[in-house]
Amino acid sequence: MTDLLIDWYPWIKALHIIAVIAWMAGLFYLPRLFVYHVEQAAVPSLPPVLQIMERRLLRAIMNPAMIATWVFGLCLVATPGIIDWSAVWPWTKAISVLAMTGFHMWLAGQRKRLADGTSGLTGRAYRIANEVPTLLLIVIVISVVVKF
């Protein structure tokens, strides 16, 4: 199995990066849709297009991209000689990826609350939440590239 991972390492890494980009796009866009959703809630005659967009983004793009990110990422972790676990960077990346996954789950919960009309958050709160994936992305990229 380890020989297979070594042989396929460039492909696994490429697929991991592609999945991360798709996941990040959704993590950046969904909170922005929430801002529009909350700010348009006062207009009852609007069609539920934002709810449809939110649901499709989460289910068709973000969830599969997150799963692919995790699958390919774990394959990279299992590839021998790639990660020095005595360094700090793999741990900061792992913690940040877990936080990113937690944020994803929080967004999924917020989507349900918005659909039910039970979300008490404002557009400003969602704008602030929109910065979370950016901060985590910075930590992850610096961890992986600088390898401190």
N, C-alpha and C. Protein backbone atom coordinates (compact mmCIF):
# COMPACT_ATOMS: atom_id res chain seq x y z
N MET A 1 0.83 -1.20 0.00
CA MET A 1 0.00 0.00 0.00
C MET A 1 0.86 1.26 0.00
N THR A 2 1.96 1.23 0.77
CA THR A 2 2.81 2.43 0.82
C THR A 2 3.49 2.70 -0.52
N ASP A 3 3.84 1.62 -1.25
CA ASP A 3 4.42 1.82 -2.58
C ASP A 3 3.42 2.49 -3.51
N LEU A 4 2.16 2.11 -3.40
CA LEU A 4 1.10 2.71 -4.21
C LEU A 4 0.98 4.20 -3.90
N LEU A 5 1.00 4.54 -2.61
CA LEU A 5 0.90 5.95 -2.22
C LEU A 5 2.10 6.75 -2.72
N ILE A 6 3.27 6.17 -2.66
CA ILE A 6 4.47 6.85 -3.16
C ILE A 6 4.39 7.05 -4.67
N ASP A 7 3.97 6.02 -5.38
CA ASP A 7 3.86 6.11 -6.84
C ASP A 7 2.82 7.14 -7.28
N TRP A 8 1.73 7.20 -6.55
CA TRP A 8 0.63 8.09 -6.91
C TRP A 8 0.69 9.44 -6.20
N TYR A 9 1.76 9.69 -5.45
CA TYR A 9 1.87 10.91 -4.64
C TYR A 9 1.58 12.19 -5.42
N PRO A 10 2.17 12.42 -6.60
CA PRO A 10 1.87 13.68 -7.31
C PRO A 10 0.39 13.82 -7.67
N TRP A 11 -0.25 12.72 -8.04
CA TRP A 11 -1.68 12.76 -8.38
C TRP A 11 -2.53 13.01 -7.15
N ILE A 12 -2.20 12.35 -6.07
CA ILE A 12 -2.95 12.54 -4.82
C ILE A 12 -2.82 13.99 -4.35
N LYS A 13 -1.62 14.52 -4.43
CA LYS A 13 -1.39 15.90 -4.02
C LYS A 13 -2.17 16.88 -4.91
N ALA A 14 -2.16 16.63 -6.22
CA ALA A 14 -2.90 17.49 -7.15
C ALA A 14 -4.40 17.43 -6.85
N LEU A 15 -4.93 16.24 -6.64
CA LEU A 15 -6.36 16.10 -6.34
C LEU A 15 -6.71 16.74 -4.99
N HIS A 16 -5.79 16.65 -4.04
CA HIS A 16 -5.99 17.30 -2.74
C HIS A 16 -6.08 18.83 -2.92
N ILE A 17 -5.19 19.40 -3.68
CA ILE A 17 -5.19 20.84 -3.92
C ILE A 17 -6.46 21.28 -4.64
N ILE A 18 -6.89 20.51 -5.64
CA ILE A 18 -8.12 20.83 -6.36
C ILE A 18 -9.32 20.80 -5.41
N ALA A 19 -9.38 19.78 -4.56
CA ALA A 19 -10.48 19.67 -3.60
C ALA A 19 -10.46 20.82 -2.60
N VAL A 20 -9.27 21.19 -2.14
CA VAL A 20 -9.15 22.31 -1.19
C VAL A 20 -9.65 23.61 -1.83
N ILE A 21 -9.28 23.84 -3.08
CA ILE A 21 -9.72 25.07 -3.76
C ILE A 21 -11.25 25.10 -3.87
N ALA A 22 -11.86 23.99 -4.24
CA ALA A 22 -13.32 23.94 -4.35
C ALA A 22 -13.97 24.16 -2.99
N TRP A 23 -13.42 23.53 -1.96
CA TRP A 23 -13.97 23.67 -0.61
C TRP A 23 -13.85 25.12 -0.13
N MET A 24 -12.68 25.70 -0.35
CA MET A 24 -12.47 27.08 0.09
C MET A 24 -13.40 28.04 -0.64
N ALA A 25 -13.63 27.82 -1.92
CA ALA A 25 -14.55 28.68 -2.66
C ALA A 25 -15.92 28.68 -2.00
N GLY A 26 -16.38 27.52 -1.62
CA GLY A 26 -17.67 27.42 -0.93
C GLY A 26 -17.65 28.06 0.44
N LEU A 27 -16.56 27.86 1.18
CA LEU A 27 -16.45 28.46 2.51
C LEU A 27 -16.41 29.98 2.44
N PHE A 28 -15.91 30.53 1.36
CA PHE A 28 -15.91 31.99 1.18
C PHE A 28 -17.28 32.49 0.73
N TYR A 29 -17.97 31.71 -0.10
CA TYR A 29 -19.20 32.18 -0.73
C TYR A 29 -20.45 31.99 0.14
N LEU A 30 -20.54 30.87 0.86
CA LEU A 30 -21.75 30.59 1.62
C LEU A 30 -22.07 31.66 2.68
N PRO A 31 -21.09 32.11 3.47
CA PRO A 31 -21.43 33.19 4.42
C PRO A 31 -21.89 34.46 3.73
N ARG A 32 -21.37 34.74 2.54
CA ARG A 32 -21.82 35.91 1.77
C ARG A 32 -23.28 35.74 1.36
N LEU A 33 -23.66 34.53 0.95
CA LEU A 33 -25.07 34.27 0.65
C LEU A 33 -25.93 34.48 1.89
N PHE A 34 -25.41 34.09 3.06
CA PHE A 34 -26.14 34.29 4.30
C PHE A 34 -26.38 35.78 4.57
N VAL A 35 -25.38 36.60 4.27
CA VAL A 35 -25.54 38.06 4.43
C VAL A 35 -26.72 38.53 3.59
N TYR A 36 -26.74 38.15 2.33
CA TYR A 36 -27.83 38.56 1.44
C TYR A 36 -29.17 38.01 1.93
N HIS A 37 -29.15 36.77 2.40
CA HIS A 37 -30.36 36.12 2.89
C HIS A 37 -30.95 36.92 4.06
N VAL A 38 -30.11 37.23 5.04
CA VAL A 38 -30.58 37.96 6.22
C VAL A 38 -31.06 39.35 5.84
N GLU A 39 -30.33 40.00 4.97
CA GLU A 39 -30.68 41.37 4.61
C GLU A 39 -31.90 41.45 3.71
N GLN A 40 -32.23 40.36 3.02
CA GLN A 40 -33.42 40.35 2.16
C GLN A 40 -34.64 39.72 2.85
N ALA A 41 -34.45 39.27 4.09
CA ALA A 41 -35.55 38.60 4.81
C ALA A 41 -36.73 39.54 5.03
N ALA A 42 -36.48 40.82 5.03
CA ALA A 42 -37.56 41.79 5.25
C ALA A 42 -38.46 41.94 4.02
N VAL A 43 -38.05 41.35 2.91
CA VAL A 43 -38.84 41.44 1.67
C VAL A 43 -39.52 40.09 1.44
N PRO A 44 -40.76 39.91 1.93
CA PRO A 44 -41.39 38.59 1.87
C PRO A 44 -41.76 38.13 0.47
N SER A 45 -41.82 39.04 -0.49
CA SER A 45 -42.25 38.65 -1.83
C SER A 45 -41.12 38.06 -2.68
N LEU A 46 -39.90 38.06 -2.15
CA LEU A 46 -38.78 37.49 -2.91
C LEU A 46 -38.90 35.97 -2.99
N PRO A 47 -38.55 35.39 -4.13
CA PRO A 47 -38.56 33.93 -4.22
C PRO A 47 -37.43 33.35 -3.36
N PRO A 48 -37.55 32.08 -2.98
CA PRO A 48 -36.55 31.48 -2.09
C PRO A 48 -35.26 31.08 -2.82
N VAL A 49 -34.84 31.90 -3.78
CA VAL A 49 -33.67 31.55 -4.59
C VAL A 49 -32.40 31.45 -3.75
N LEU A 50 -32.27 32.30 -2.73
CA LEU A 50 -31.06 32.23 -1.90
C LEU A 50 -31.01 30.91 -1.14
N GLN A 51 -32.15 30.44 -0.66
CA GLN A 51 -32.17 29.15 0.04
C GLN A 51 -31.78 28.01 -0.89
N ILE A 52 -32.24 28.08 -2.12
CA ILE A 52 -31.87 27.06 -3.11
C ILE A 52 -30.37 27.11 -3.39
N MET A 53 -29.84 28.31 -3.57
CA MET A 53 -28.41 28.47 -3.83
C MET A 53 -27.59 27.97 -2.65
N GLU A 54 -28.00 28.31 -1.44
CA GLU A 54 -27.28 27.88 -0.24
C GLU A 54 -27.26 26.36 -0.13
N ARG A 55 -28.43 25.74 -0.31
CA ARG A 55 -28.52 24.29 -0.20
C ARG A 55 -27.68 23.58 -1.26
N ARG A 56 -27.77 24.06 -2.49
CA ARG A 56 -27.01 23.42 -3.58
C ARG A 56 -25.51 23.61 -3.42
N LEU A 57 -25.11 24.80 -3.00
CA LEU A 57 -23.68 25.05 -2.77
C LEU A 57 -23.14 24.10 -1.71
N LEU A 58 -23.88 23.97 -0.61
CA LEU A 58 -23.43 23.11 0.48
C LEU A 58 -23.41 21.64 0.07
N ARG A 59 -24.50 21.18 -0.51
CA ARG A 59 -24.62 19.74 -0.80
C ARG A 59 -23.88 19.29 -2.05
N ALA A 60 -23.86 20.12 -3.08
CA ALA A 60 -23.28 19.68 -4.36
C ALA A 60 -21.81 20.03 -4.51
N ILE A 61 -21.36 21.05 -3.80
CA ILE A 61 -19.96 21.48 -3.97
C ILE A 61 -19.17 21.33 -2.67
N MET A 62 -19.64 21.97 -1.62
CA MET A 62 -18.85 22.02 -0.39
C MET A 62 -18.69 20.67 0.29
N ASN A 63 -19.78 19.94 0.47
CA ASN A 63 -19.67 18.64 1.15
C ASN A 63 -18.77 17.67 0.38
N PRO A 64 -18.98 17.48 -0.94
CA PRO A 64 -18.07 16.58 -1.66
C PRO A 64 -16.61 17.08 -1.65
N ALA A 65 -16.42 18.40 -1.75
CA ALA A 65 -15.06 18.94 -1.75
C ALA A 65 -14.39 18.72 -0.40
N MET A 66 -15.15 18.90 0.69
CA MET A 66 -14.58 18.67 2.02
C MET A 66 -14.20 17.20 2.18
N ILE A 67 -15.07 16.30 1.76
CA ILE A 67 -14.78 14.87 1.86
C ILE A 67 -13.56 14.50 1.03
N ALA A 68 -13.48 15.02 -0.20
CA ALA A 68 -12.32 14.74 -1.06
C ALA A 68 -11.05 15.32 -0.44
N THR A 69 -11.14 16.51 0.13
CA THR A 69 -9.98 17.12 0.80
C THR A 69 -9.48 16.21 1.90
N TRP A 70 -10.38 15.70 2.71
CA TRP A 70 -10.00 14.82 3.81
C TRP A 70 -9.43 13.50 3.29
N VAL A 71 -10.07 12.90 2.30
CA VAL A 71 -9.60 11.60 1.78
C VAL A 71 -8.20 11.73 1.20
N PHE A 72 -8.01 12.71 0.30
CA PHE A 72 -6.69 12.88 -0.31
C PHE A 72 -5.66 13.36 0.70
N GLY A 73 -6.09 14.19 1.64
CA GLY A 73 -5.18 14.65 2.69
C GLY A 73 -4.70 13.51 3.57
N LEU A 74 -5.61 12.63 3.93
CA LEU A 74 -5.21 11.47 4.74
C LEU A 74 -4.31 10.52 3.96
N CYS A 75 -4.53 10.42 2.65
CA CYS A 75 -3.61 9.63 1.81
C CYS A 75 -2.21 10.25 1.83
N LEU A 76 -2.15 11.57 1.78
CA LEU A 76 -0.85 12.24 1.84
C LEU A 76 -0.18 12.00 3.20
N VAL A 77 -0.98 12.06 4.26
CA VAL A 77 -0.45 11.80 5.61
C VAL A 77 0.09 10.38 5.70
N ALA A 78 -0.57 9.45 5.05
CA ALA A 78 -0.16 8.04 5.11
C ALA A 78 1.03 7.73 4.22
N THR A 79 1.41 8.66 3.34
CA THR A 79 2.55 8.43 2.46
C THR A 79 3.84 8.53 3.27
N PRO A 80 4.65 7.49 3.26
CA PRO A 80 5.88 7.49 4.08
C PRO A 80 6.86 8.58 3.66
N GLY A 81 7.49 9.19 4.65
CA GLY A 81 8.55 10.15 4.41
C GLY A 81 8.10 11.55 4.03
N ILE A 82 6.81 11.82 4.05
CA ILE A 82 6.31 13.12 3.62
C ILE A 82 6.23 14.10 4.79
N ILE A 83 5.83 13.62 5.95
CA ILE A 83 5.60 14.51 7.10
C ILE A 83 6.55 14.17 8.23
N ASP A 84 7.17 15.21 8.76
CA ASP A 84 8.01 15.09 9.95
C ASP A 84 7.15 15.50 11.14
N TRP A 85 6.64 14.51 11.86
CA TRP A 85 5.72 14.79 12.97
C TRP A 85 6.40 15.41 14.17
N SER A 86 7.72 15.49 14.16
CA SER A 86 8.40 16.16 15.26
C SER A 86 8.42 17.68 15.06
N ALA A 87 8.06 18.13 13.87
CA ALA A 87 7.97 19.57 13.58
C ALA A 87 6.62 20.11 14.07
N VAL A 88 6.51 21.41 14.12
CA VAL A 88 5.29 22.06 14.59
C VAL A 88 4.25 22.14 13.47
N TRP A 89 4.68 22.35 12.23
CA TRP A 89 3.76 22.65 11.14
C TRP A 89 2.66 21.62 10.90
N PRO A 90 2.93 20.30 10.98
CA PRO A 90 1.81 19.38 10.72
C PRO A 90 0.71 19.49 11.77
N TRP A 91 1.11 19.85 12.98
CA TRP A 91 0.13 19.98 14.05
C TRP A 91 -0.70 21.25 13.89
N THR A 92 -0.05 22.36 13.50
CA THR A 92 -0.82 23.59 13.28
C THR A 92 -1.75 23.42 12.08
N LYS A 93 -1.29 22.71 11.07
CA LYS A 93 -2.16 22.46 9.91
C LYS A 93 -3.33 21.57 10.32
N ALA A 94 -3.05 20.52 11.06
CA ALA A 94 -4.11 19.59 11.48
C ALA A 94 -5.17 20.31 12.32
N ILE A 95 -4.73 21.12 13.25
CA ILE A 95 -5.67 21.87 14.10
C ILE A 95 -6.49 22.83 13.25
N SER A 96 -5.85 23.48 12.30
CA SER A 96 -6.55 24.42 11.43
C SER A 96 -7.55 23.72 10.52
N VAL A 97 -7.20 22.54 10.03
CA VAL A 97 -8.12 21.78 9.18
C VAL A 97 -9.32 21.30 10.00
N LEU A 98 -9.08 20.90 11.24
CA LEU A 98 -10.19 20.53 12.11
C LEU A 98 -11.09 21.74 12.38
N ALA A 99 -10.48 22.90 12.60
CA ALA A 99 -11.26 24.12 12.80
C ALA A 99 -12.05 24.47 11.54
N MET A 100 -11.44 24.30 10.37
CA MET A 100 -12.13 24.57 9.10
C MET A 100 -13.32 23.62 8.95
N THR A 101 -13.16 22.38 9.32
CA THR A 101 -14.25 21.41 9.26
C THR A 101 -15.36 21.80 10.24
N GLY A 102 -14.97 22.23 11.43
CA GLY A 102 -15.96 22.71 12.39
C GLY A 102 -16.72 23.91 11.87
N PHE A 103 -16.02 24.83 11.20
CA PHE A 103 -16.67 25.99 10.61
C PHE A 103 -17.64 25.56 9.52
N HIS A 104 -17.24 24.59 8.71
CA HIS A 104 -18.12 24.04 7.67
C HIS A 104 -19.41 23.51 8.31
N MET A 105 -19.27 22.76 9.39
CA MET A 105 -20.44 22.19 10.06
C MET A 105 -21.31 23.31 10.65
N TRP A 106 -20.68 24.34 11.18
CA TRP A 106 -21.43 25.48 11.71
C TRP A 106 -22.23 26.15 10.60
N LEU A 107 -21.60 26.32 9.43
CA LEU A 107 -22.30 26.90 8.29
C LEU A 107 -23.50 26.04 7.89
N ALA A 108 -23.32 24.73 7.90
CA ALA A 108 -24.43 23.83 7.56
C ALA A 108 -25.59 24.02 8.54
N GLY A 109 -25.27 24.17 9.80
CA GLY A 109 -26.31 24.42 10.80
C GLY A 109 -26.98 25.76 10.59
N GLN A 110 -26.20 26.76 10.25
CA GLN A 110 -26.76 28.09 9.98
C GLN A 110 -27.68 28.06 8.77
N ARG A 111 -27.33 27.28 7.77
CA ARG A 111 -28.19 27.19 6.59
C ARG A 111 -29.56 26.65 6.98
N LYS A 112 -29.57 25.64 7.84
CA LYS A 112 -30.85 25.08 8.29
C LYS A 112 -31.63 26.11 9.09
N ARG A 113 -30.95 26.84 9.96
CA ARG A 113 -31.62 27.86 10.77
C ARG A 113 -32.20 28.97 9.89
N LEU A 114 -31.45 29.37 8.89
CA LEU A 114 -31.95 30.40 7.97
C LEU A 114 -33.16 29.90 7.20
N ALA A 115 -33.11 28.65 6.78
CA ALA A 115 -34.24 28.07 6.04
C ALA A 115 -35.49 27.99 6.93
N ASP A 116 -35.28 27.72 8.23
CA ASP A 116 -36.40 27.64 9.18
C ASP A 116 -36.83 29.00 9.69
N GLY A 117 -36.01 30.02 9.43
CA GLY A 117 -36.31 31.36 9.94
C GLY A 117 -35.98 31.53 11.41
N THR A 118 -35.07 30.67 11.93
CA THR A 118 -34.73 30.72 13.36
C THR A 118 -33.34 31.28 13.63
N SER A 119 -32.65 31.75 12.61
CA SER A 119 -31.31 32.30 12.83
C SER A 119 -31.44 33.71 13.40
N GLY A 120 -30.73 33.93 14.47
CA GLY A 120 -30.78 35.25 15.09
C GLY A 120 -29.60 36.12 14.72
N LEU A 121 -28.76 35.67 13.78
CA LEU A 121 -27.57 36.42 13.43
C LEU A 121 -27.88 37.51 12.40
N THR A 122 -27.08 38.55 12.44
CA THR A 122 -27.25 39.68 11.52
C THR A 122 -26.33 39.52 10.32
N GLY A 123 -26.54 40.37 9.33
CA GLY A 123 -25.65 40.40 8.18
C GLY A 123 -24.23 40.71 8.59
N ARG A 124 -24.07 41.59 9.57
CA ARG A 124 -22.73 41.94 10.08
C ARG A 124 -22.05 40.72 10.70
N ALA A 125 -22.80 39.92 11.45
CA ALA A 125 -22.24 38.71 12.06
C ALA A 125 -21.75 37.74 10.99
N TYR A 126 -22.51 37.61 9.92
CA TYR A 126 -22.09 36.71 8.83
C TYR A 126 -20.90 37.29 8.07
N ARG A 127 -20.82 38.62 7.97
CA ARG A 127 -19.64 39.24 7.34
C ARG A 127 -18.38 38.94 8.16
N ILE A 128 -18.51 39.02 9.47
CA ILE A 128 -17.37 38.70 10.34
C ILE A 128 -17.02 37.22 10.21
N ALA A 129 -18.03 36.36 10.22
CA ALA A 129 -17.80 34.91 10.08
C ALA A 129 -17.11 34.60 8.75
N ASN A 130 -17.36 35.42 7.76
CA ASN A 130 -16.77 35.22 6.44
C ASN A 130 -15.25 35.32 6.46
N GLU A 131 -14.69 35.91 7.51
CA GLU A 131 -13.23 36.05 7.63
C GLU A 131 -12.57 34.81 8.23
N VAL A 132 -13.33 33.96 8.87
CA VAL A 132 -12.77 32.77 9.53
C VAL A 132 -11.99 31.88 8.55
N PRO A 133 -12.57 31.50 7.40
CA PRO A 133 -11.79 30.64 6.50
C PRO A 133 -10.53 31.31 5.97
N THR A 134 -10.56 32.62 5.83
CA THR A 134 -9.35 33.34 5.37
C THR A 134 -8.23 33.19 6.39
N LEU A 135 -8.55 33.41 7.65
CA LEU A 135 -7.54 33.30 8.70
C LEU A 135 -6.99 31.88 8.79
N LEU A 136 -7.88 30.90 8.72
CA LEU A 136 -7.43 29.51 8.78
C LEU A 136 -6.59 29.15 7.55
N LEU A 137 -6.99 29.65 6.40
CA LEU A 137 -6.22 29.41 5.17
C LEU A 137 -4.81 29.96 5.30
N ILE A 138 -4.67 31.14 5.87
CA ILE A 138 -3.34 31.74 6.06
C ILE A 138 -2.48 30.84 6.94
N VAL A 139 -3.03 30.36 8.04
CA VAL A 139 -2.28 29.47 8.94
C VAL A 139 -1.88 28.19 8.22
N ILE A 140 -2.81 27.60 7.47
CA ILE A 140 -2.52 26.35 6.77
C ILE A 140 -1.44 26.52 5.72
N VAL A 141 -1.56 27.54 4.89
CA VAL A 141 -0.58 27.74 3.81
C VAL A 141 0.79 28.04 4.39
N ILE A 142 0.87 28.90 5.37
CA ILE A 142 2.17 29.21 5.98
C ILE A 142 2.76 27.96 6.63
N SER A 143 1.92 27.19 7.30
CA SER A 143 2.40 25.96 7.94
C SER A 143 3.01 25.00 6.91
N VAL A 144 2.33 24.80 5.81
CA VAL A 144 2.77 23.82 4.81
C VAL A 144 3.96 24.32 3.99
N VAL A 145 3.95 25.61 3.66
CA VAL A 145 5.02 26.13 2.81
C VAL A 145 6.29 26.44 3.60
N VAL A 146 6.13 27.10 4.75
CA VAL A 146 7.30 27.49 5.53
C VAL A 146 7.83 26.32 6.36
N LYS A 147 6.93 25.44 6.79
CA LYS A 147 7.29 24.25 7.57
C LYS A 147 8.14 24.59 8.79
N PHE A 148 7.60 25.43 9.65
CA PHE A 148 8.31 25.83 10.88
C PHE A 148 8.24 24.75 11.92
